[in-house]
């Protein structure tokens, strides 16, 4: 399982092939819903019909924001025409391949909610405290047991 994660799902930030987008809003319904987690992977090329995540190009409203929409036309040279499945008109943005983070590879229904909870400061603090307690108590018990068995004088 760890090997599969390492090869297929390791985030780009850790040198892997995948990135993750937590869906917000209703623009991609019924394909994606708010709270879904979309796993995206960089591709050699993109075409009409692909659901892609991209950064809004510099100089445009919302620059730098992440959006996940479907390519409905355009080209890599002039920029792709993108639109949410639940929208009546294409977006104003025309992302080029350098702006595209990747194509949706996997959808995890409500997975984004789990990620959001796990990223909260309270949960992260509780996890860090649990690991610290486990390390401190675990190493102390291990050391005591070995010394007691080996170093005990015959009775």
N, C-alpha and C. Protein backbone atom coordinates (compact mmCIF):
# COMPACT_ATOMS: atom_id res chain seq x y z
N UNK A 1 0.83 -1.19 0.00
CA UNK A 1 0.00 0.00 0.00
C UNK A 1 0.88 1.25 0.00
N UNK A 2 1.93 1.23 0.83
CA UNK A 2 2.85 2.37 0.89
C UNK A 2 3.56 2.55 -0.45
N UNK A 3 3.90 1.46 -1.11
CA UNK A 3 4.56 1.53 -2.40
C UNK A 3 3.62 2.15 -3.45
N UNK A 4 2.36 1.78 -3.42
CA UNK A 4 1.37 2.35 -4.36
C UNK A 4 1.25 3.85 -4.14
N UNK A 5 1.21 4.28 -2.87
CA UNK A 5 1.15 5.71 -2.57
C UNK A 5 2.39 6.41 -3.10
N UNK A 6 3.56 5.82 -2.86
CA UNK A 6 4.83 6.41 -3.27
C UNK A 6 4.88 6.59 -4.78
N UNK A 7 4.41 5.59 -5.52
CA UNK A 7 4.50 5.62 -6.98
C UNK A 7 3.39 6.46 -7.62
N UNK A 8 2.15 6.32 -7.15
CA UNK A 8 1.01 6.94 -7.83
C UNK A 8 0.42 8.17 -7.16
N UNK A 9 0.47 8.26 -5.84
CA UNK A 9 -0.27 9.30 -5.14
C UNK A 9 0.57 10.30 -4.35
N UNK A 10 1.89 10.14 -4.37
CA UNK A 10 2.76 11.06 -3.62
C UNK A 10 2.59 12.46 -4.21
N UNK A 11 2.39 13.46 -3.37
CA UNK A 11 2.16 14.82 -3.86
C UNK A 11 3.37 15.40 -4.60
N UNK A 12 3.09 16.32 -5.50
CA UNK A 12 4.13 17.02 -6.25
C UNK A 12 5.11 17.68 -5.28
N UNK A 13 4.60 18.21 -4.17
CA UNK A 13 5.46 18.89 -3.19
C UNK A 13 6.50 17.95 -2.59
N UNK A 14 6.27 16.63 -2.67
CA UNK A 14 7.22 15.63 -2.18
C UNK A 14 7.90 14.90 -3.34
N UNK A 15 7.86 15.51 -4.53
CA UNK A 15 8.51 14.92 -5.69
C UNK A 15 7.68 13.88 -6.41
N UNK A 16 6.41 13.77 -6.08
CA UNK A 16 5.55 12.77 -6.69
C UNK A 16 4.80 13.28 -7.91
N UNK A 17 3.96 12.42 -8.48
CA UNK A 17 3.24 12.76 -9.71
C UNK A 17 1.85 13.35 -9.48
N UNK A 18 1.38 13.39 -8.24
CA UNK A 18 -0.02 13.77 -7.99
C UNK A 18 -0.12 15.10 -7.24
N UNK A 19 -1.24 15.75 -7.44
CA UNK A 19 -1.59 16.93 -6.67
C UNK A 19 -3.04 16.74 -6.24
N UNK A 20 -3.48 17.52 -5.29
CA UNK A 20 -4.81 17.33 -4.73
C UNK A 20 -5.56 18.65 -4.71
N UNK A 21 -6.85 18.58 -5.08
CA UNK A 21 -7.70 19.76 -5.06
C UNK A 21 -8.96 19.42 -4.28
N UNK A 22 -9.23 20.22 -3.25
CA UNK A 22 -10.48 20.09 -2.51
C UNK A 22 -11.50 20.96 -3.23
N UNK A 23 -12.56 20.34 -3.70
CA UNK A 23 -13.57 21.05 -4.49
C UNK A 23 -14.42 21.93 -3.58
N UNK A 24 -14.62 23.17 -4.03
CA UNK A 24 -15.54 24.07 -3.32
C UNK A 24 -16.49 24.63 -4.37
N UNK A 25 -17.67 24.93 -3.96
CA UNK A 25 -18.65 25.48 -4.89
C UNK A 25 -19.39 24.41 -5.67
N UNK A 26 -20.27 24.89 -6.58
CA UNK A 26 -21.15 23.99 -7.32
C UNK A 26 -20.91 24.02 -8.82
N UNK A 27 -19.85 24.68 -9.26
CA UNK A 27 -19.66 24.87 -10.70
C UNK A 27 -19.39 23.59 -11.47
N UNK A 28 -18.97 22.51 -10.81
CA UNK A 28 -18.67 21.27 -11.53
C UNK A 28 -19.70 20.17 -11.28
N UNK A 29 -20.83 20.50 -10.64
CA UNK A 29 -21.87 19.49 -10.46
C UNK A 29 -22.48 19.13 -11.81
N UNK A 30 -22.83 17.92 -12.05
CA UNK A 30 -22.89 16.78 -11.15
C UNK A 30 -21.60 15.94 -11.12
N UNK A 31 -20.55 16.36 -11.86
CA UNK A 31 -19.31 15.59 -11.90
C UNK A 31 -18.58 15.62 -10.56
N UNK A 32 -18.46 16.82 -10.00
CA UNK A 32 -17.79 17.02 -8.71
C UNK A 32 -18.69 17.83 -7.80
N UNK A 33 -18.62 17.53 -6.51
CA UNK A 33 -19.43 18.24 -5.52
C UNK A 33 -18.53 18.89 -4.48
N UNK A 34 -19.03 19.93 -3.85
CA UNK A 34 -18.28 20.59 -2.78
C UNK A 34 -17.88 19.55 -1.74
N UNK A 35 -16.61 19.57 -1.36
CA UNK A 35 -16.12 18.62 -0.37
C UNK A 35 -15.45 17.39 -0.98
N UNK A 36 -15.59 17.19 -2.29
CA UNK A 36 -14.89 16.08 -2.94
C UNK A 36 -13.39 16.38 -2.99
N UNK A 37 -12.61 15.33 -3.09
CA UNK A 37 -11.17 15.47 -3.27
C UNK A 37 -10.83 14.96 -4.66
N UNK A 38 -10.23 15.81 -5.47
CA UNK A 38 -9.82 15.43 -6.82
C UNK A 38 -8.31 15.21 -6.81
N UNK A 39 -7.90 14.02 -7.22
CA UNK A 39 -6.48 13.72 -7.37
C UNK A 39 -6.15 14.01 -8.82
N UNK A 40 -5.17 14.87 -9.04
CA UNK A 40 -4.83 15.27 -10.39
C UNK A 40 -3.38 14.89 -10.68
N UNK A 41 -3.13 14.62 -11.97
CA UNK A 41 -1.78 14.24 -12.41
C UNK A 41 -1.42 15.01 -13.67
N UNK A 42 -0.20 15.49 -13.72
CA UNK A 42 0.31 16.21 -14.89
C UNK A 42 0.32 15.27 -16.10
N UNK A 43 -0.04 15.81 -17.26
CA UNK A 43 -0.08 15.03 -18.50
C UNK A 43 0.81 15.69 -19.54
N UNK A 44 1.14 14.95 -20.58
CA UNK A 44 1.93 15.50 -21.68
C UNK A 44 1.14 16.48 -22.52
N UNK A 45 -0.17 16.32 -22.56
CA UNK A 45 -1.03 17.21 -23.33
C UNK A 45 -2.46 17.12 -22.80
N UNK A 46 -3.26 18.09 -23.19
CA UNK A 46 -4.64 18.16 -22.72
C UNK A 46 -5.56 18.40 -23.91
N UNK A 47 -6.81 17.94 -23.78
CA UNK A 47 -7.75 18.05 -24.89
C UNK A 47 -9.16 18.32 -24.37
N UNK A 48 -10.04 18.68 -25.28
CA UNK A 48 -11.44 18.92 -24.93
C UNK A 48 -12.00 17.69 -24.23
N UNK A 49 -12.74 17.93 -23.15
CA UNK A 49 -13.32 16.85 -22.37
C UNK A 49 -12.56 16.57 -21.09
N UNK A 50 -11.28 16.95 -21.04
CA UNK A 50 -10.48 16.71 -19.82
C UNK A 50 -10.91 17.66 -18.71
N UNK A 51 -11.03 17.11 -17.50
CA UNK A 51 -11.26 17.94 -16.31
C UNK A 51 -9.88 18.25 -15.76
N UNK A 52 -9.53 19.54 -15.73
CA UNK A 52 -8.19 19.96 -15.31
C UNK A 52 -8.25 20.96 -14.17
N UNK A 53 -7.21 20.92 -13.36
CA UNK A 53 -7.03 21.94 -12.33
C UNK A 53 -5.95 22.88 -12.84
N UNK A 54 -6.16 24.18 -12.66
CA UNK A 54 -5.19 25.16 -13.14
C UNK A 54 -5.12 26.34 -12.19
N UNK A 55 -4.02 27.05 -12.27
CA UNK A 55 -3.88 28.31 -11.56
C UNK A 55 -4.35 29.41 -12.49
N UNK A 56 -5.15 30.33 -11.95
CA UNK A 56 -5.62 31.45 -12.76
C UNK A 56 -4.39 32.25 -13.20
N UNK A 57 -4.25 32.47 -14.51
CA UNK A 57 -3.07 33.17 -15.03
C UNK A 57 -2.87 34.57 -14.43
N UNK A 58 -1.60 34.97 -14.34
CA UNK A 58 -1.26 36.29 -13.82
C UNK A 58 -1.91 37.38 -14.66
N UNK A 59 -2.28 38.46 -13.99
CA UNK A 59 -2.88 39.59 -14.68
C UNK A 59 -4.38 39.45 -14.88
N UNK A 60 -4.97 38.34 -14.44
CA UNK A 60 -6.40 38.13 -14.60
C UNK A 60 -7.07 38.15 -13.23
N UNK A 61 -8.38 38.45 -13.19
CA UNK A 61 -9.08 38.44 -11.89
C UNK A 61 -8.93 37.09 -11.21
N UNK A 62 -8.56 37.11 -9.94
CA UNK A 62 -8.38 35.87 -9.18
C UNK A 62 -7.02 35.22 -9.44
N UNK A 63 -6.07 35.97 -9.98
CA UNK A 63 -4.75 35.43 -10.34
C UNK A 63 -4.16 34.60 -9.21
N UNK A 64 -3.64 33.43 -9.58
CA UNK A 64 -3.02 32.53 -8.61
C UNK A 64 -3.97 31.55 -7.96
N UNK A 65 -5.27 31.81 -8.03
CA UNK A 65 -6.26 30.90 -7.46
C UNK A 65 -6.29 29.59 -8.22
N UNK A 66 -6.71 28.53 -7.54
CA UNK A 66 -6.82 27.21 -8.18
C UNK A 66 -8.26 26.94 -8.56
N UNK A 67 -8.45 26.49 -9.80
CA UNK A 67 -9.79 26.20 -10.33
C UNK A 67 -9.75 24.81 -10.96
N UNK A 68 -10.85 24.07 -10.82
CA UNK A 68 -10.95 22.79 -11.51
C UNK A 68 -12.20 22.84 -12.38
N UNK A 69 -11.98 22.83 -13.71
CA UNK A 69 -13.06 22.90 -14.70
C UNK A 69 -12.71 22.02 -15.89
N UNK A 70 -13.65 21.89 -16.80
CA UNK A 70 -13.49 21.04 -17.98
C UNK A 70 -13.03 21.87 -19.18
N UNK A 71 -12.09 21.31 -19.96
CA UNK A 71 -11.67 21.95 -21.21
C UNK A 71 -12.77 21.69 -22.25
N UNK A 72 -13.24 22.79 -22.87
CA UNK A 72 -14.28 22.64 -23.90
C UNK A 72 -13.80 23.09 -25.27
N UNK A 73 -12.57 23.59 -25.34
CA UNK A 73 -12.03 24.04 -26.63
C UNK A 73 -10.70 24.72 -26.45
N UNK A 74 -10.31 25.45 -27.49
CA UNK A 74 -9.05 26.18 -27.45
C UNK A 74 -7.87 25.29 -27.80
N UNK A 75 -6.68 25.81 -27.52
CA UNK A 75 -5.46 25.07 -27.84
C UNK A 75 -4.37 25.42 -26.83
N UNK A 76 -3.32 24.63 -26.84
CA UNK A 76 -2.23 24.90 -25.91
C UNK A 76 -1.51 26.20 -26.28
N UNK A 77 -1.52 26.56 -27.54
CA UNK A 77 -0.85 27.79 -27.97
C UNK A 77 -1.63 29.04 -27.57
N UNK A 78 -2.92 29.05 -27.81
CA UNK A 78 -3.75 30.23 -27.54
C UNK A 78 -4.38 30.20 -26.16
N UNK A 79 -4.34 29.07 -25.51
CA UNK A 79 -4.99 28.90 -24.21
C UNK A 79 -6.26 28.09 -24.38
N UNK A 80 -6.55 27.28 -23.38
CA UNK A 80 -7.73 26.43 -23.44
C UNK A 80 -8.98 27.18 -22.99
N UNK A 81 -10.10 26.85 -23.61
CA UNK A 81 -11.39 27.38 -23.17
C UNK A 81 -11.90 26.39 -22.12
N UNK A 82 -12.18 26.88 -20.93
CA UNK A 82 -12.63 26.02 -19.83
C UNK A 82 -13.98 26.50 -19.31
N UNK A 83 -14.72 25.55 -18.75
CA UNK A 83 -16.05 25.87 -18.24
C UNK A 83 -16.43 24.83 -17.20
N UNK A 84 -17.11 25.28 -16.16
CA UNK A 84 -17.65 24.36 -15.18
C UNK A 84 -18.84 23.63 -15.77
N UNK A 85 -19.03 22.36 -15.41
CA UNK A 85 -20.14 21.57 -15.95
C UNK A 85 -21.50 22.16 -15.59
N UNK A 86 -21.57 22.94 -14.52
CA UNK A 86 -22.82 23.52 -14.05
C UNK A 86 -22.93 25.00 -14.42
N UNK A 87 -22.15 25.43 -15.40
CA UNK A 87 -22.15 26.83 -15.83
C UNK A 87 -22.73 26.93 -17.23
N UNK A 88 -23.31 28.09 -17.54
CA UNK A 88 -23.92 28.31 -18.86
C UNK A 88 -22.95 28.91 -19.88
N UNK A 89 -21.83 29.43 -19.40
CA UNK A 89 -20.87 30.09 -20.31
C UNK A 89 -19.45 29.72 -19.92
N UNK A 90 -18.55 29.81 -20.87
CA UNK A 90 -17.14 29.52 -20.57
C UNK A 90 -16.55 30.55 -19.61
N UNK A 91 -15.45 30.14 -18.96
CA UNK A 91 -14.73 31.05 -18.07
C UNK A 91 -14.04 32.14 -18.89
N UNK A 92 -13.70 33.22 -18.22
CA UNK A 92 -12.94 34.29 -18.85
C UNK A 92 -11.47 33.88 -19.01
N UNK A 93 -11.00 32.99 -18.13
CA UNK A 93 -9.60 32.57 -18.14
C UNK A 93 -9.32 31.65 -19.32
N UNK A 94 -8.11 31.73 -19.82
CA UNK A 94 -7.64 30.86 -20.91
C UNK A 94 -6.29 30.27 -20.48
N UNK A 95 -6.34 29.25 -19.61
CA UNK A 95 -5.07 28.69 -19.13
C UNK A 95 -4.28 27.99 -20.23
N UNK A 96 -2.98 28.16 -20.17
CA UNK A 96 -2.06 27.48 -21.08
C UNK A 96 -1.44 26.32 -20.31
N UNK A 97 -0.76 25.41 -21.00
CA UNK A 97 -0.19 24.25 -20.30
C UNK A 97 0.64 24.60 -19.06
N UNK A 98 1.37 25.71 -19.08
CA UNK A 98 2.16 26.09 -17.91
C UNK A 98 1.29 26.42 -16.69
N UNK A 99 0.02 26.79 -16.92
CA UNK A 99 -0.90 27.12 -15.83
C UNK A 99 -1.61 25.89 -15.29
N UNK A 100 -1.63 24.81 -16.07
CA UNK A 100 -2.40 23.61 -15.69
C UNK A 100 -1.60 22.75 -14.73
N UNK A 101 -2.21 22.45 -13.60
CA UNK A 101 -1.59 21.61 -12.58
C UNK A 101 -1.70 20.13 -12.94
N UNK A 102 -2.77 19.77 -13.64
CA UNK A 102 -2.94 18.38 -14.05
C UNK A 102 -4.38 18.06 -14.40
N UNK A 103 -4.55 16.85 -14.90
CA UNK A 103 -5.86 16.33 -15.27
C UNK A 103 -6.40 15.48 -14.12
N UNK A 104 -7.71 15.54 -13.89
CA UNK A 104 -8.29 14.74 -12.83
C UNK A 104 -8.09 13.26 -13.15
N UNK A 105 -7.53 12.55 -12.18
CA UNK A 105 -7.22 11.14 -12.33
C UNK A 105 -8.16 10.29 -11.48
N UNK A 106 -8.57 10.86 -10.34
CA UNK A 106 -9.39 10.13 -9.38
C UNK A 106 -10.23 11.11 -8.58
N UNK A 107 -11.46 10.73 -8.31
CA UNK A 107 -12.35 11.55 -7.47
C UNK A 107 -12.67 10.75 -6.22
N UNK A 108 -12.49 11.38 -5.06
CA UNK A 108 -12.81 10.74 -3.78
C UNK A 108 -13.98 11.53 -3.18
N UNK A 109 -15.20 10.98 -3.27
CA UNK A 109 -16.37 11.70 -2.74
C UNK A 109 -16.18 12.06 -1.27
N UNK A 110 -16.39 13.31 -0.94
CA UNK A 110 -16.27 13.85 0.43
C UNK A 110 -14.87 13.73 1.01
N UNK A 111 -13.90 13.32 0.21
CA UNK A 111 -12.53 13.18 0.69
C UNK A 111 -11.91 14.51 1.10
N UNK A 112 -12.34 15.57 0.49
CA UNK A 112 -11.82 16.89 0.84
C UNK A 112 -12.20 17.30 2.24
N UNK A 113 -13.34 16.86 2.70
CA UNK A 113 -13.76 17.18 4.07
C UNK A 113 -12.81 16.54 5.07
N UNK A 114 -12.41 15.31 4.80
CA UNK A 114 -11.46 14.60 5.68
C UNK A 114 -10.13 15.34 5.69
N UNK A 115 -9.64 15.73 4.51
CA UNK A 115 -8.38 16.46 4.41
C UNK A 115 -8.46 17.78 5.17
N UNK A 116 -9.57 18.48 5.03
CA UNK A 116 -9.74 19.76 5.72
C UNK A 116 -9.69 19.57 7.23
N UNK A 117 -10.34 18.54 7.74
CA UNK A 117 -10.32 18.27 9.17
C UNK A 117 -8.90 17.91 9.62
N UNK A 118 -8.23 17.05 8.86
CA UNK A 118 -6.88 16.64 9.23
C UNK A 118 -5.88 17.79 9.21
N UNK A 119 -6.14 18.81 8.40
CA UNK A 119 -5.23 19.96 8.31
C UNK A 119 -5.52 21.02 9.36
N UNK A 120 -6.56 20.84 10.15
CA UNK A 120 -6.89 21.85 11.16
C UNK A 120 -5.82 21.85 12.25
N UNK A 121 -5.52 23.02 12.81
CA UNK A 121 -4.48 23.13 13.83
C UNK A 121 -4.69 22.21 15.03
N UNK A 122 -5.93 22.06 15.47
CA UNK A 122 -6.19 21.21 16.64
C UNK A 122 -5.87 19.75 16.36
N UNK A 123 -6.25 19.26 15.20
CA UNK A 123 -5.98 17.86 14.85
C UNK A 123 -4.49 17.64 14.67
N UNK A 124 -3.81 18.58 13.99
CA UNK A 124 -2.37 18.46 13.81
C UNK A 124 -1.64 18.48 15.15
N UNK A 125 -2.07 19.34 16.07
CA UNK A 125 -1.46 19.40 17.40
C UNK A 125 -1.69 18.09 18.16
N UNK A 126 -2.90 17.55 18.07
CA UNK A 126 -3.21 16.29 18.76
C UNK A 126 -2.38 15.14 18.18
N UNK A 127 -2.23 15.11 16.87
CA UNK A 127 -1.41 14.06 16.25
C UNK A 127 0.05 14.19 16.67
N UNK A 128 0.57 15.41 16.67
CA UNK A 128 1.96 15.63 17.07
C UNK A 128 2.17 15.22 18.53
N UNK A 129 1.22 15.58 19.40
CA UNK A 129 1.32 15.21 20.81
C UNK A 129 1.25 13.70 20.98
N UNK A 130 0.39 13.05 20.24
CA UNK A 130 0.27 11.58 20.32
C UNK A 130 1.57 10.89 19.90
N UNK A 131 2.15 11.37 18.82
CA UNK A 131 3.42 10.79 18.36
C UNK A 131 4.50 11.01 19.41
N UNK A 132 4.57 12.21 19.97
CA UNK A 132 5.59 12.51 20.99
C UNK A 132 5.43 11.61 22.21
N UNK A 133 4.19 11.44 22.68
CA UNK A 133 3.94 10.57 23.83
C UNK A 133 4.31 9.13 23.51
N UNK A 134 3.95 8.66 22.33
CA UNK A 134 4.27 7.31 21.92
C UNK A 134 5.78 7.09 21.88
N UNK A 135 6.51 8.04 21.32
CA UNK A 135 7.97 7.92 21.22
C UNK A 135 8.61 7.92 22.60
N UNK A 136 8.18 8.85 23.45
CA UNK A 136 8.77 8.94 24.79
C UNK A 136 8.44 7.71 25.63
N UNK A 137 7.19 7.32 25.68
CA UNK A 137 6.81 6.16 26.48
C UNK A 137 7.32 4.86 25.88
N UNK A 138 7.27 4.76 24.57
CA UNK A 138 7.72 3.54 23.90
C UNK A 138 9.21 3.30 24.09
N UNK A 139 10.02 4.34 23.97
CA UNK A 139 11.46 4.16 24.11
C UNK A 139 11.84 3.91 25.57
N UNK A 140 11.14 4.48 26.50
CA UNK A 140 11.42 4.27 27.92
C UNK A 140 11.13 2.84 28.35
N UNK A 141 10.03 2.28 27.91
CA UNK A 141 9.65 0.91 28.28
C UNK A 141 10.60 -0.11 27.67
N UNK A 142 10.99 0.12 26.44
CA UNK A 142 11.87 -0.81 25.74
C UNK A 142 13.22 -0.89 26.46
N UNK A 143 13.75 0.25 26.82
CA UNK A 143 15.04 0.28 27.49
C UNK A 143 15.01 -0.38 28.85
N UNK A 144 13.96 -0.18 29.64
CA UNK A 144 13.85 -0.76 30.99
C UNK A 144 13.78 -2.27 30.92
N UNK A 145 13.02 -2.79 30.00
CA UNK A 145 12.85 -4.24 29.90
C UNK A 145 14.16 -4.94 29.58
N UNK A 146 14.96 -4.41 28.75
CA UNK A 146 16.22 -5.04 28.36
C UNK A 146 17.22 -5.01 29.50
N UNK A 147 17.32 -3.88 30.18
CA UNK A 147 18.28 -3.77 31.28
C UNK A 147 17.92 -4.71 32.42
N UNK A 148 16.63 -4.76 32.70
CA UNK A 148 16.18 -5.60 33.81
C UNK A 148 16.47 -7.06 33.57
N UNK A 149 16.32 -7.52 32.34
CA UNK A 149 16.54 -8.94 32.05
C UNK A 149 18.02 -9.30 32.00
N UNK A 150 18.82 -8.43 31.40
CA UNK A 150 20.23 -8.74 31.23
C UNK A 150 21.07 -8.47 32.48
N UNK A 151 20.74 -7.38 33.16
CA UNK A 151 21.59 -6.95 34.26
C UNK A 151 21.17 -7.45 35.61
N UNK A 152 20.14 -8.23 35.72
CA UNK A 152 19.67 -8.68 37.04
C UNK A 152 20.59 -9.73 37.60
N UNK A 153 21.05 -9.54 38.86
CA UNK A 153 21.91 -10.56 39.48
C UNK A 153 21.10 -11.78 39.82
N UNK A 154 21.74 -12.96 39.79
CA UNK A 154 21.00 -14.18 40.13
C UNK A 154 20.50 -14.10 41.55
N UNK A 155 19.33 -14.56 41.77
CA UNK A 155 18.67 -14.40 43.03
C UNK A 155 18.74 -15.50 43.91
